[in-house]
Amino acid sequence: MSSKHTTRPNVLPWPPMLLAGAAVGAILLGGALPLPALHDVSMAWLGGAVVLIGIALDVWAIVTMRRADTNILPNRAADLLVTWGPFRYTRNPIYVANTILLIGIGIAVGNYWFILCALISAVLVDRLAIRREEHHLAARFGADWIDYSQQTPRWLF
């Protein structure tokens, strides 16, 4: 592992950029090429519930990181290996939450491009951010990171 992974995992903050790009892409695709959708009040409520789950997970992860007094920015060095709170269940609860949030929006508004864009965004976040972050964490925290990464899934599985 090179020293660049020790100082910071990424130059650009890929995850929020990809999240925004996925949302904009879904809106544009929904306007230009609308997909058939089952959209009624029950789907709006279901989507709203999924959005709330995404927001709750996001807030839980952010609060956990703030309480640990560690960096939350994806393009800055990690100060501490956080392994409690939502990080017990997934190594990337914020990215999971963002994916859930986009899916929920798509269900709520009947624009299923959000679901496709959320999945594409998740793959890109995995390749452009998570893999680099994991190299950074391994370089920075060594055996503690290896133990944690072997016990906790990258996403949810």
Protein backbone atom coordinates (compact mmCIF):
# COMPACT_ATOMS: atom_id res chain seq x y z
CA MET A 1 0.00 0.00 0.00
CA SER A 2 1.34 3.34 -0.95
CA SER A 3 1.71 6.25 1.43
CA LYS A 4 -0.99 8.20 -0.43
CA HIS A 5 -3.57 5.85 1.10
CA THR A 6 -2.26 6.67 4.57
CA THR A 7 -2.81 10.41 4.25
CA ARG A 8 -6.22 10.36 2.50
CA PRO A 9 -8.30 7.82 0.63
CA ASN A 10 -9.45 10.03 -2.26
CA VAL A 11 -8.74 13.43 -3.73
CA LEU A 12 -12.38 14.00 -4.69
CA PRO A 13 -15.39 13.38 -2.42
CA TRP A 14 -16.85 10.77 -4.77
CA PRO A 15 -19.85 9.57 -2.72
CA PRO A 16 -21.76 12.87 -2.45
CA MET A 17 -20.89 13.71 -6.05
CA LEU A 18 -22.24 10.36 -7.24
CA LEU A 19 -25.34 10.68 -5.05
CA ALA A 20 -26.13 14.08 -6.57
CA GLY A 21 -25.36 12.78 -10.06
CA ALA A 22 -27.69 9.82 -9.57
CA ALA A 23 -30.52 12.07 -8.39
CA VAL A 24 -30.07 14.51 -11.28
CA GLY A 25 -29.75 11.64 -13.75
CA ALA A 26 -32.94 10.02 -12.47
CA ILE A 27 -34.86 13.29 -12.72
CA LEU A 28 -33.63 13.93 -16.27
CA LEU A 29 -34.29 10.35 -17.38
CA GLY A 30 -37.71 10.40 -15.74
CA GLY A 31 -38.61 13.49 -17.73
CA ALA A 32 -37.18 12.29 -21.03
CA LEU A 33 -37.97 8.56 -20.86
CA PRO A 34 -40.56 7.90 -18.16
CA LEU A 35 -40.82 4.28 -17.07
CA PRO A 36 -44.19 2.69 -16.40
CA ALA A 37 -44.74 2.80 -12.67
CA LEU A 38 -47.27 1.60 -10.16
CA HIS A 39 -47.86 4.87 -8.41
CA ASP A 40 -50.66 5.48 -5.99
CA VAL A 41 -51.00 6.68 -2.43
CA SER A 42 -49.82 3.37 -0.97
CA MET A 43 -46.64 3.47 -3.08
CA ALA A 44 -46.04 7.06 -2.02
CA TRP A 45 -46.34 6.01 1.63
CA LEU A 46 -44.10 2.99 1.07
CA GLY A 47 -41.51 5.18 -0.63
CA GLY A 48 -41.78 7.71 2.17
CA ALA A 49 -41.14 4.97 4.73
CA VAL A 50 -38.08 3.81 2.79
CA VAL A 51 -36.82 7.42 2.64
CA LEU A 52 -37.24 7.70 6.42
CA ILE A 53 -35.26 4.49 6.93
CA GLY A 54 -32.47 5.92 4.78
CA ILE A 55 -32.50 9.22 6.67
CA ALA A 56 -32.54 7.45 10.05
CA LEU A 57 -29.56 5.28 9.11
CA ASP A 58 -27.70 8.30 7.74
CA VAL A 59 -28.31 10.33 10.90
CA TRP A 60 -27.35 7.39 13.14
CA ALA A 61 -24.06 6.93 11.26
CA ILE A 62 -23.25 10.65 11.27
CA VAL A 63 -24.04 11.01 14.98
CA THR A 64 -21.90 7.94 15.73
CA MET A 65 -18.96 9.43 13.85
CA ARG A 66 -19.42 12.85 15.47
CA ARG A 67 -19.52 11.29 18.94
CA ALA A 68 -16.32 9.42 18.10
CA ASP A 69 -14.84 12.80 17.14
CA THR A 70 -13.61 11.44 13.83
CA ASN A 71 -13.62 12.79 10.31
CA ILE A 72 -16.75 12.21 8.26
CA LEU A 73 -15.57 13.56 4.89
CA PRO A 74 -14.91 10.76 2.37
CA ASN A 75 -11.84 12.46 0.91
CA ARG A 76 -10.10 13.12 4.24
CA ALA A 77 -8.02 10.85 6.46
CA ALA A 78 -9.75 8.72 9.06
CA ASP A 79 -8.90 9.68 12.63
CA LEU A 80 -10.41 6.62 14.28
CA LEU A 81 -11.74 3.23 13.24
CA VAL A 82 -15.42 3.36 14.23
CA THR A 83 -16.84 -0.14 14.76
CA TRP A 84 -19.94 0.50 16.87
CA GLY A 85 -23.41 1.88 16.21
CA PRO A 86 -24.49 1.17 12.63
CA PHE A 87 -20.88 0.29 11.82
CA ARG A 88 -21.48 -3.03 13.66
CA TYR A 89 -23.77 -4.09 10.79
CA THR A 90 -22.11 -2.54 7.75
CA ARG A 91 -18.74 -0.91 7.15
CA ASN A 92 -20.46 1.77 5.06
CA PRO A 93 -23.75 2.78 6.68
CA ILE A 94 -23.77 6.24 5.10
CA TYR A 95 -23.42 4.80 1.60
CA VAL A 96 -26.07 2.17 2.36
CA ALA A 97 -28.34 4.95 3.68
CA ASN A 98 -27.80 7.07 0.56
CA THR A 99 -28.71 4.12 -1.66
CA ILE A 100 -31.84 3.40 0.40
CA LEU A 101 -32.76 7.08 0.25
CA LEU A 102 -32.58 7.22 -3.56
CA ILE A 103 -34.61 4.02 -3.88
CA GLY A 104 -37.23 5.41 -1.51
CA ILE A 105 -37.50 8.64 -3.48
CA GLY A 106 -38.02 6.66 -6.67
CA ILE A 107 -40.81 4.61 -5.10
CA ALA A 108 -42.42 7.66 -3.48
CA VAL A 109 -42.57 9.76 -6.65
CA GLY A 110 -43.08 6.90 -9.12
CA ASN A 111 -39.81 7.55 -10.97
CA TYR A 112 -38.15 4.16 -11.10
CA TRP A 113 -35.07 5.64 -12.76
CA PHE A 114 -34.09 6.55 -9.19
CA ILE A 115 -33.83 2.84 -8.38
CA LEU A 116 -31.61 2.10 -11.37
CA CYS A 117 -29.50 5.21 -10.76
CA ALA A 118 -29.19 4.30 -7.06
CA LEU A 119 -27.81 0.87 -7.95
CA ILE A 120 -25.40 2.30 -10.53
CA SER A 121 -24.30 4.91 -8.00
CA ALA A 122 -23.72 2.18 -5.39
CA VAL A 123 -21.47 0.25 -7.78
CA LEU A 124 -19.52 3.41 -8.63
CA VAL A 125 -19.18 4.36 -4.95
CA ASP A 126 -17.88 0.86 -4.29
CA ARG A 127 -15.29 1.12 -7.05
CA LEU A 128 -14.27 4.79 -6.77
CA ALA A 129 -14.50 5.36 -3.02
CA ILE A 130 -14.96 2.29 -0.84
CA ARG A 131 -12.07 0.27 -2.27
CA ARG A 132 -9.72 3.22 -1.83
CA GLU A 133 -11.08 3.95 1.64
CA GLU A 134 -10.42 0.34 2.60
CA HIS A 135 -6.80 0.60 1.45
CA HIS A 136 -6.51 3.79 3.51
CA LEU A 137 -8.02 2.13 6.60
CA ALA A 138 -5.79 -0.93 6.23
CA ALA A 139 -2.70 1.27 5.97
CA ARG A 140 -3.79 3.37 8.91
CA PHE A 141 -5.22 0.79 11.32
CA GLY A 142 -3.56 -2.49 10.30
CA ALA A 143 -4.75 -5.58 12.18
CA ASP A 144 -7.69 -3.75 13.76
CA TRP A 145 -9.02 -2.96 10.28
CA ILE A 146 -8.42 -6.50 9.04
CA ASP A 147 -10.31 -8.00 12.00
CA TYR A 148 -13.18 -5.56 11.57
CA SER A 149 -13.39 -6.05 7.79
CA GLN A 150 -13.53 -9.83 8.21
CA GLN A 151 -16.40 -9.59 10.73
CA THR A 152 -18.52 -6.83 9.17
CA PRO A 153 -19.90 -6.77 5.61
CA ARG A 154 -18.99 -3.97 3.23
CA TRP A 155 -22.65 -3.28 2.46
CA LEU A 156 -25.25 -5.39 4.27
CA PHE A 157 -24.26 -8.84 3.04
